[in-house]
């Protein structure tokens, strides 16, 4: 049974989160409107299934759309158990931070890094901090996140890992094969490299691209011009309501979409947008994370904090029937980016070896994809599909 925790041991955490105690909605309280939610789980409860229904119902009733849910798990908790609590909250909520409470101190953990708070607490446990998935994947939140990180995602030549970064994007772009296309659309372009590689490869006279972030679109345009693409049109927008083709504009001969659907709050509308952008007789190249790869499954079991897209990603088995139902025809599929040991080797290459293994890693990934990419897709952390739209 959920209960209201004592606030005194959590004073430093609430201060760190800039939350006033009077704003908190707690079990047993009288609340006139939704807000931030604080609940406590007894130390004897280690199975999230025992309280999931009650926890979700309380959050749905009392948590504001942009509010924080704080769940104090009393007593010691292992990382694997924290991961199971994260899964119990999903897909309504996504865990973005965890406070490790100890008698001698408090450590805030987030994907951006760890921070030890000043002072200590008399309690022991783990405080999970979560927000609603719908809020985190909302247009405003997505644009702000992408604008803030745009420079970091526009990997520069000569930096450690750059060769592998470019190989992955070229691999997706070239999955269209030897077909020619006059007009190419990069559907969620990021820094633009998948669309650029595809346009150069298929001899396109026009490249269009859009992204949630105007700053990313600016990077894509600069990269396209520097790559010799004379006709580039960029717009800001989202896959659920894509800005291409606008009213009166023709759909595209080739649509490439890589690493985008896992950021979508509405996969059905996203797929509708993809199909609408593709001309009859055209080709769609579609790629993203493989949520059920061996590596991704291991990460979910062992790490409580994960990027939201790793939970929000779709599998090819989920997507292929949906796109076929919308009139597309699957032509080919392949896995790429070995689930093991590629992430570990890439991390060591970029952080310890200054990129010395760039070429061997690209060669290993290329060979593994050619050998196993079609027959053992879950051995890879990413997938790419090719569809055609009958004329």
Protein backbone atom coordinates (compact mmCIF):
# COMPACT_ATOMS: atom_id res chain seq x y z
CA UNK A 1 0.00 0.00 0.00
CA UNK A 2 1.30 3.44 -0.92
CA UNK A 3 1.85 5.91 1.90
CA UNK A 4 2.99 9.48 2.42
CA UNK A 5 6.69 9.68 3.33
CA UNK A 6 8.15 11.87 6.05
CA UNK A 7 9.31 15.11 4.48
CA UNK A 8 12.17 15.98 6.84
CA UNK A 9 14.64 13.38 5.48
CA UNK A 10 13.80 14.54 1.96
CA UNK A 11 14.33 18.26 2.57
CA UNK A 12 17.63 18.42 0.64
CA UNK A 13 16.17 16.49 -2.29
CA UNK A 14 13.14 18.77 -2.48
CA UNK A 15 15.46 21.77 -2.35
CA UNK A 16 17.56 20.32 -5.18
CA UNK A 17 14.40 19.85 -7.25
CA UNK A 18 13.11 23.30 -6.29
CA UNK A 19 9.89 21.78 -4.93
CA UNK A 20 7.96 23.34 -2.05
CA UNK A 21 6.35 20.75 0.27
CA UNK A 22 2.93 22.39 -0.03
CA UNK A 23 2.91 21.65 -3.78
CA UNK A 24 3.13 17.90 -3.23
CA UNK A 25 0.19 15.52 -3.59
CA UNK A 26 0.54 12.56 -1.22
CA UNK A 27 -1.59 9.49 -0.46
CA UNK A 28 -4.28 10.30 2.07
CA UNK A 29 -4.14 14.04 1.37
CA UNK A 30 -6.89 16.35 0.19
CA UNK A 31 -6.03 17.80 -3.17
CA UNK A 32 -8.10 20.24 -5.19
CA UNK A 33 -6.02 20.03 -8.37
CA UNK A 34 -3.18 17.96 -9.91
CA UNK A 35 0.41 18.85 -9.12
CA UNK A 36 3.67 17.11 -8.22
CA UNK A 37 3.28 13.72 -6.53
CA UNK A 38 5.23 12.17 -3.67
CA UNK A 39 4.63 8.60 -2.53
CA UNK A 40 6.49 6.04 -0.45
CA UNK A 41 6.87 2.29 -0.99
CA UNK A 42 7.55 0.22 2.16
CA UNK A 43 10.90 -1.51 2.43
CA UNK A 44 9.18 -4.92 2.47
CA UNK A 45 7.77 -4.42 -1.06
CA UNK A 46 10.26 -5.42 -3.75
CA UNK A 47 7.89 -6.55 -6.49
CA UNK A 48 6.60 -3.59 -8.55
CA UNK A 49 3.64 -5.67 -9.73
CA UNK A 50 2.24 -5.61 -6.21
CA UNK A 51 1.74 -1.83 -6.27
CA UNK A 52 1.81 -0.94 -9.96
CA UNK A 53 -1.96 -0.60 -10.39
CA UNK A 54 -2.32 1.57 -7.31
CA UNK A 55 0.71 3.70 -8.19
CA UNK A 56 -0.41 4.33 -11.78
CA UNK A 57 -3.97 5.13 -10.69
CA UNK A 58 -2.70 7.66 -8.13
CA UNK A 59 -0.43 9.28 -10.73
CA UNK A 60 -3.20 9.50 -13.31
CA UNK A 61 -5.45 11.24 -10.80
CA UNK A 62 -3.05 13.59 -9.04
CA UNK A 63 -0.04 14.22 -11.32
CA UNK A 64 -0.09 17.36 -13.47
CA UNK A 65 0.86 17.04 -17.15
CA UNK A 66 4.26 18.64 -16.58
CA UNK A 67 4.59 17.56 -12.95
CA UNK A 68 7.15 15.36 -11.22
CA UNK A 69 6.39 12.02 -9.62
CA UNK A 70 8.68 11.21 -6.70
CA UNK A 71 8.58 7.61 -5.53
CA UNK A 72 10.57 6.86 -2.38
CA UNK A 73 11.55 3.20 -2.28
CA UNK A 74 12.42 2.70 1.36
CA UNK A 75 15.42 0.59 2.31
CA UNK A 76 18.27 -0.73 0.14
CA UNK A 77 17.43 -1.42 -3.52
CA UNK A 78 19.64 -2.96 -6.17
CA UNK A 79 20.00 -1.55 -9.68
CA UNK A 80 18.07 -4.45 -11.18
CA UNK A 81 15.11 -3.79 -8.89
CA UNK A 82 15.19 -0.08 -9.72
CA UNK A 83 15.06 -1.04 -13.40
CA UNK A 84 11.94 -3.12 -12.72
CA UNK A 85 10.27 -0.13 -11.02
CA UNK A 86 11.15 1.98 -14.07
CA UNK A 87 9.49 -0.62 -16.29
CA UNK A 88 6.41 -0.67 -14.04
CA UNK A 89 5.95 3.09 -14.51
CA UNK A 90 6.36 2.90 -18.29
CA UNK A 91 4.70 3.90 -20.62
CA UNK A 92 2.79 6.46 -18.55
CA UNK A 93 5.97 7.77 -16.93
CA UNK A 94 9.69 7.83 -17.65
CA UNK A 95 12.36 7.88 -14.96
CA UNK A 96 14.91 10.65 -15.52
CA UNK A 97 16.80 10.72 -12.21
CA UNK A 98 17.37 8.70 -9.05
CA UNK A 99 18.49 9.98 -5.68
CA UNK A 100 20.47 7.44 -3.67
CA UNK A 101 19.68 8.21 -0.02
CA UNK A 102 22.23 7.19 2.59
CA UNK A 103 22.75 8.10 6.19
CA UNK A 104 26.04 9.81 5.26
CA UNK A 105 24.90 11.60 2.11
CA UNK A 106 22.73 11.91 -1.00
CA UNK A 107 23.79 11.27 -4.58
CA UNK A 108 21.69 12.42 -7.53
CA UNK A 109 22.10 10.20 -10.59
CA UNK A 110 21.06 11.23 -14.11
CA UNK A 111 22.17 10.42 -17.64
CA UNK A 112 24.11 13.68 -17.67
CA UNK A 113 26.16 12.55 -14.65
CA UNK A 114 26.16 12.14 -10.88
CA UNK A 115 26.19 14.85 -8.22
CA UNK A 116 26.69 14.50 -4.48
CA UNK A 117 24.41 16.89 -2.60
CA UNK A 118 25.62 18.80 0.41
CA UNK A 119 24.49 17.38 3.73
CA UNK A 120 23.04 13.99 4.54
CA UNK A 121 19.79 12.22 5.35
CA UNK A 122 18.73 9.97 8.14
CA UNK A 123 16.83 7.76 5.71
CA UNK A 124 18.04 5.00 3.47
CA UNK A 125 16.49 4.22 0.14
CA UNK A 126 16.13 5.33 -3.46
CA UNK A 127 13.97 8.20 -4.67
CA UNK A 128 12.82 7.79 -8.28
CA UNK A 129 12.00 10.98 -10.20
CA UNK A 130 9.75 10.57 -13.23
CA UNK A 131 7.71 12.66 -15.67
CA UNK A 132 4.89 11.75 -17.99
CA UNK A 133 6.03 10.26 -21.30
CA UNK A 134 3.56 12.53 -23.13
CA UNK A 135 5.22 15.62 -21.65
CA UNK A 136 8.79 14.49 -22.36
CA UNK A 137 7.94 13.69 -25.98
CA UNK A 138 5.80 16.78 -26.53
CA UNK A 139 6.75 19.13 -29.39
CA UNK A 140 8.00 21.89 -27.09
CA UNK A 141 10.15 19.56 -24.98
CA UNK A 142 11.56 17.80 -28.05
CA UNK A 143 12.46 21.02 -29.85
CA UNK A 144 14.14 22.45 -26.74
CA UNK A 145 16.16 19.26 -26.23
CA UNK A 146 17.28 19.04 -29.86
CA UNK A 147 18.13 22.74 -30.09
CA UNK A 148 20.26 22.45 -26.96
CA UNK A 149 22.17 19.39 -28.20
CA UNK A 150 22.37 20.24 -31.91
CA UNK A 151 26.07 21.03 -31.92
CA UNK A 152 27.00 17.79 -30.18
CA UNK A 153 25.02 15.70 -32.67
CA UNK A 154 26.77 17.33 -35.64
CA UNK A 155 29.89 15.23 -35.26
CA UNK A 156 32.94 16.93 -36.72
CA UNK A 157 35.50 15.27 -39.06
CA UNK A 158 38.65 14.20 -37.30
CA UNK A 159 37.04 13.59 -33.91
CA UNK A 160 37.28 10.11 -32.33
CA UNK A 161 34.46 7.92 -33.62
CA UNK A 162 33.67 10.16 -36.60
CA UNK A 163 34.41 7.46 -39.18
CA UNK A 164 32.02 5.06 -37.48
CA UNK A 165 29.37 7.78 -37.11
CA UNK A 166 29.51 8.53 -40.83
CA UNK A 167 29.59 4.85 -41.78
CA UNK A 168 26.32 4.17 -39.94
CA UNK A 169 24.57 7.04 -41.69
CA UNK A 170 25.99 6.08 -45.09
CA UNK A 171 24.95 2.46 -44.48
CA UNK A 172 21.32 3.51 -44.00
CA UNK A 173 21.38 5.94 -46.93
CA UNK A 174 22.79 3.37 -49.36
CA UNK A 175 20.21 0.77 -48.40
CA UNK A 176 18.05 2.29 -51.14
CA UNK A 177 20.25 0.41 -53.60
CA UNK A 178 21.13 1.62 -57.09
CA UNK A 179 17.84 3.35 -57.80
CA UNK A 180 17.79 6.89 -59.09
CA UNK A 181 15.61 9.52 -57.44
CA UNK A 182 15.09 13.10 -58.54
CA UNK A 183 13.71 14.30 -55.20
CA UNK A 184 14.77 13.05 -51.76
CA UNK A 185 13.23 13.81 -48.36
CA UNK A 186 15.16 13.35 -45.10
CA UNK A 187 12.31 12.69 -42.66
CA UNK A 188 13.72 13.92 -39.33
CA UNK A 189 17.12 14.99 -40.59
CA UNK A 190 19.22 15.78 -37.54
CA UNK A 191 22.50 17.09 -38.94
CA UNK A 192 21.39 15.93 -42.39
CA UNK A 193 23.94 13.25 -43.22
CA UNK A 194 21.60 10.38 -44.11
CA UNK A 195 19.71 12.55 -46.59
CA UNK A 196 22.94 14.03 -47.96
CA UNK A 197 24.48 10.61 -48.57
CA UNK A 198 21.26 9.35 -50.17
CA UNK A 199 20.91 12.38 -52.44
CA UNK A 200 24.52 12.16 -53.62
CA UNK A 201 24.26 8.41 -54.21
CA UNK A 202 21.03 8.48 -56.23
CA UNK A 203 21.85 11.61 -58.24
CA UNK A 204 18.99 13.70 -56.83
CA UNK A 205 18.47 17.21 -58.11
CA UNK A 206 16.65 18.23 -54.91
CA UNK A 207 17.05 17.41 -51.22
CA UNK A 208 14.39 18.43 -48.71
CA UNK A 209 14.74 17.89 -44.98
CA UNK A 210 12.96 18.68 -41.75
CA UNK A 211 13.59 18.27 -38.05
CA UNK A 212 11.90 19.22 -34.80
CA UNK A 213 14.81 21.58 -34.11
CA UNK A 214 15.38 24.67 -36.27
CA UNK A 215 18.98 24.58 -35.10
CA UNK A 216 19.40 21.05 -36.46
CA UNK A 217 17.88 22.15 -39.78
CA UNK A 218 20.44 24.95 -39.91
CA UNK A 219 23.27 22.42 -39.44
CA UNK A 220 21.75 20.18 -42.12
CA UNK A 221 21.62 23.03 -44.62
CA UNK A 222 25.23 23.99 -43.94
CA UNK A 223 26.34 20.36 -44.33
CA UNK A 224 24.34 19.96 -47.56
CA UNK A 225 25.86 23.07 -49.11
CA UNK A 226 29.36 22.00 -48.08
CA UNK A 227 28.72 18.58 -49.67
CA UNK A 228 27.90 20.12 -53.04
CA UNK A 229 24.10 19.84 -52.96
CA UNK A 230 22.82 22.90 -54.79
CA UNK A 231 19.08 22.55 -54.13
CA UNK A 232 18.26 22.13 -50.45
CA UNK A 233 15.04 23.07 -48.67
CA UNK A 234 14.80 22.78 -44.90
CA UNK A 235 11.83 23.26 -42.60
CA UNK A 236 11.08 22.73 -38.93
CA UNK A 237 8.41 20.16 -38.11
CA UNK A 238 7.47 16.78 -36.69
CA UNK A 239 6.86 13.39 -38.24
CA UNK A 240 3.31 13.22 -36.91
CA UNK A 241 2.44 16.25 -39.06
CA UNK A 242 5.35 16.59 -41.50
CA UNK A 243 5.96 19.92 -43.24
CA UNK A 244 6.72 18.06 -46.50
CA UNK A 245 4.96 17.84 -48.83
CA UNK A 246 3.03 21.02 -48.14
CA UNK A 247 -0.25 21.70 -49.90
CA UNK A 248 0.32 21.82 -53.64
CA UNK A 249 3.72 20.07 -53.42
CA UNK A 250 4.44 16.63 -54.87
CA UNK A 251 5.51 13.66 -52.71
CA UNK A 252 9.07 12.32 -52.96
CA UNK A 253 10.77 9.59 -54.98
CA UNK A 254 12.93 8.56 -52.01
CA UNK A 255 12.21 9.11 -48.30
CA UNK A 256 14.92 8.29 -45.75
CA UNK A 257 14.17 8.21 -42.04
CA UNK A 258 16.81 7.11 -39.54
CA UNK A 259 16.70 7.21 -35.74
CA UNK A 260 13.53 9.28 -35.52
CA UNK A 261 10.48 7.10 -34.79
CA UNK A 262 11.84 6.28 -31.30
CA UNK A 263 11.31 9.96 -30.42
CA UNK A 264 7.70 9.93 -31.58
CA UNK A 265 4.84 10.27 -29.07
CA UNK A 266 2.36 8.81 -31.60
CA UNK A 267 3.75 6.03 -33.76
CA UNK A 268 0.57 5.61 -35.82
CA UNK A 269 0.50 9.27 -36.88
CA UNK A 270 4.23 9.12 -37.58
CA UNK A 271 3.76 6.21 -39.99
CA UNK A 272 0.85 8.04 -41.63
CA UNK A 273 3.20 10.98 -42.23
CA UNK A 274 5.88 8.75 -43.72
CA UNK A 275 3.49 7.19 -46.22
CA UNK A 276 1.96 10.53 -47.17
CA UNK A 277 5.41 11.88 -48.06
CA UNK A 278 6.23 8.97 -50.40
CA UNK A 279 5.24 9.11 -54.08
CA UNK A 280 3.66 6.14 -55.87
CA UNK A 281 6.54 4.09 -57.25
CA UNK A 282 8.85 5.59 -54.60
CA UNK A 283 11.20 4.00 -52.06
CA UNK A 284 11.27 4.35 -48.28
CA UNK A 285 14.42 3.59 -46.27
CA UNK A 286 13.52 3.39 -42.59
CA UNK A 287 15.85 2.68 -39.67
CA UNK A 288 16.02 2.94 -35.88
CA UNK A 289 17.05 1.20 -32.67
CA UNK A 290 16.42 -2.51 -32.22
CA UNK A 291 14.61 -2.44 -28.87
CA UNK A 292 14.79 -6.22 -28.46
CA UNK A 293 18.44 -6.77 -29.34
CA UNK A 294 20.49 -8.76 -26.85
CA UNK A 295 22.41 -5.64 -25.90
CA UNK A 296 19.33 -3.46 -25.39
CA UNK A 297 17.59 -6.12 -23.30
CA UNK A 298 20.68 -6.43 -21.11
CA UNK A 299 20.86 -2.66 -20.65
CA UNK A 300 17.21 -2.51 -19.60
CA UNK A 301 17.74 -5.25 -17.01
CA UNK A 302 20.93 -3.79 -15.56
CA UNK A 303 20.50 0.00 -15.78
CA UNK A 304 17.68 1.91 -14.16
CA UNK A 305 18.41 5.12 -16.08
CA UNK A 306 18.07 4.96 -19.86
CA UNK A 307 17.31 7.45 -22.63
CA UNK A 308 13.57 7.56 -23.25
CA UNK A 309 14.00 6.50 -26.88
CA UNK A 310 15.38 3.11 -25.83
CA UNK A 311 12.02 2.35 -24.20
CA UNK A 312 9.93 4.14 -26.82
CA UNK A 313 11.51 2.41 -29.82
CA UNK A 314 9.52 0.05 -32.07
CA UNK A 315 10.68 -3.27 -33.46
CA UNK A 316 10.54 -4.17 -37.17
CA UNK A 317 8.02 -6.86 -36.24
CA UNK A 318 5.71 -4.13 -34.98
CA UNK A 319 6.31 -1.71 -37.83
CA UNK A 320 6.30 -3.89 -40.94
CA UNK A 321 2.63 -4.96 -40.66
CA UNK A 322 1.59 -1.38 -40.01
CA UNK A 323 3.37 -0.05 -43.10
CA UNK A 324 2.09 -2.93 -45.22
CA UNK A 325 -1.43 -2.12 -44.04
CA UNK A 326 -0.82 1.43 -45.32
CA UNK A 327 0.00 0.10 -48.77
CA UNK A 328 3.79 -0.27 -48.74
CA UNK A 329 5.67 -3.41 -49.78
CA UNK A 330 8.67 -4.66 -47.78
CA UNK A 331 11.68 -5.36 -50.01
CA UNK A 332 14.60 -5.91 -47.65
CA UNK A 333 15.65 -5.72 -44.00
CA UNK A 334 18.97 -5.82 -42.23
CA UNK A 335 20.48 -5.42 -38.78
CA UNK A 336 23.58 -3.31 -38.26
CA UNK A 337 25.72 -2.13 -35.35
CA UNK A 338 26.65 -5.31 -33.48
CA UNK A 339 25.04 -5.47 -30.05
CA UNK A 340 28.24 -6.92 -28.60
CA UNK A 341 31.08 -6.01 -28.42
CA UNK A 342 30.60 -2.94 -30.64
CA UNK A 343 29.27 -0.42 -28.04
CA UNK A 344 32.01 -1.37 -25.60
CA UNK A 345 34.73 -1.09 -28.24
CA UNK A 346 33.36 2.21 -29.54
CA UNK A 347 33.33 3.69 -26.04
CA UNK A 348 36.93 2.64 -25.42
CA UNK A 349 37.96 3.89 -28.87
CA UNK A 350 36.46 7.34 -28.31
CA UNK A 351 37.38 7.87 -24.65
CA UNK A 352 40.74 6.10 -24.31
CA UNK A 353 42.26 5.46 -27.74
CA UNK A 354 41.60 8.79 -29.51
CA UNK A 355 39.91 7.06 -32.44
CA UNK A 356 42.76 4.64 -33.22
CA UNK A 357 40.28 1.81 -33.87
CA UNK A 358 37.99 3.76 -36.21
CA UNK A 359 38.87 1.81 -39.36
CA UNK A 360 38.91 -1.69 -37.76
CA UNK A 361 35.54 -1.03 -36.11
CA UNK A 362 33.97 0.08 -39.37
CA UNK A 363 35.37 -3.00 -41.11
CA UNK A 364 34.07 -5.29 -38.34
CA UNK A 365 30.61 -3.76 -38.44
CA UNK A 366 30.44 -3.93 -42.23
CA UNK A 367 31.50 -7.59 -42.28
CA UNK A 368 29.12 -8.58 -39.46
CA UNK A 369 26.18 -6.87 -41.14
CA UNK A 370 26.87 -8.57 -44.44
CA UNK A 371 27.20 -11.98 -42.78
CA UNK A 372 24.47 -11.89 -40.10
CA UNK A 373 22.40 -8.75 -40.66
CA UNK A 374 19.66 -10.53 -42.55
CA UNK A 375 19.54 -13.76 -40.56
CA UNK A 376 20.17 -12.70 -36.93
CA UNK A 377 18.64 -9.21 -36.55
CA UNK A 378 18.64 -9.30 -32.74
CA UNK A 379 22.42 -9.57 -32.75
CA UNK A 380 22.42 -5.88 -33.76
CA UNK A 381 21.36 -2.72 -31.93
CA UNK A 382 19.91 -1.08 -35.05
CA UNK A 383 17.78 -2.11 -38.02
CA UNK A 384 17.05 -0.75 -41.47
CA UNK A 385 14.12 -1.60 -43.74
CA UNK A 386 13.45 -0.84 -47.40
CA UNK A 387 9.88 -0.47 -48.70
CA UNK A 388 8.42 0.40 -52.07
CA UNK A 389 5.09 2.06 -52.76
CA UNK A 390 3.33 0.51 -55.75
CA UNK A 391 2.73 2.96 -58.58
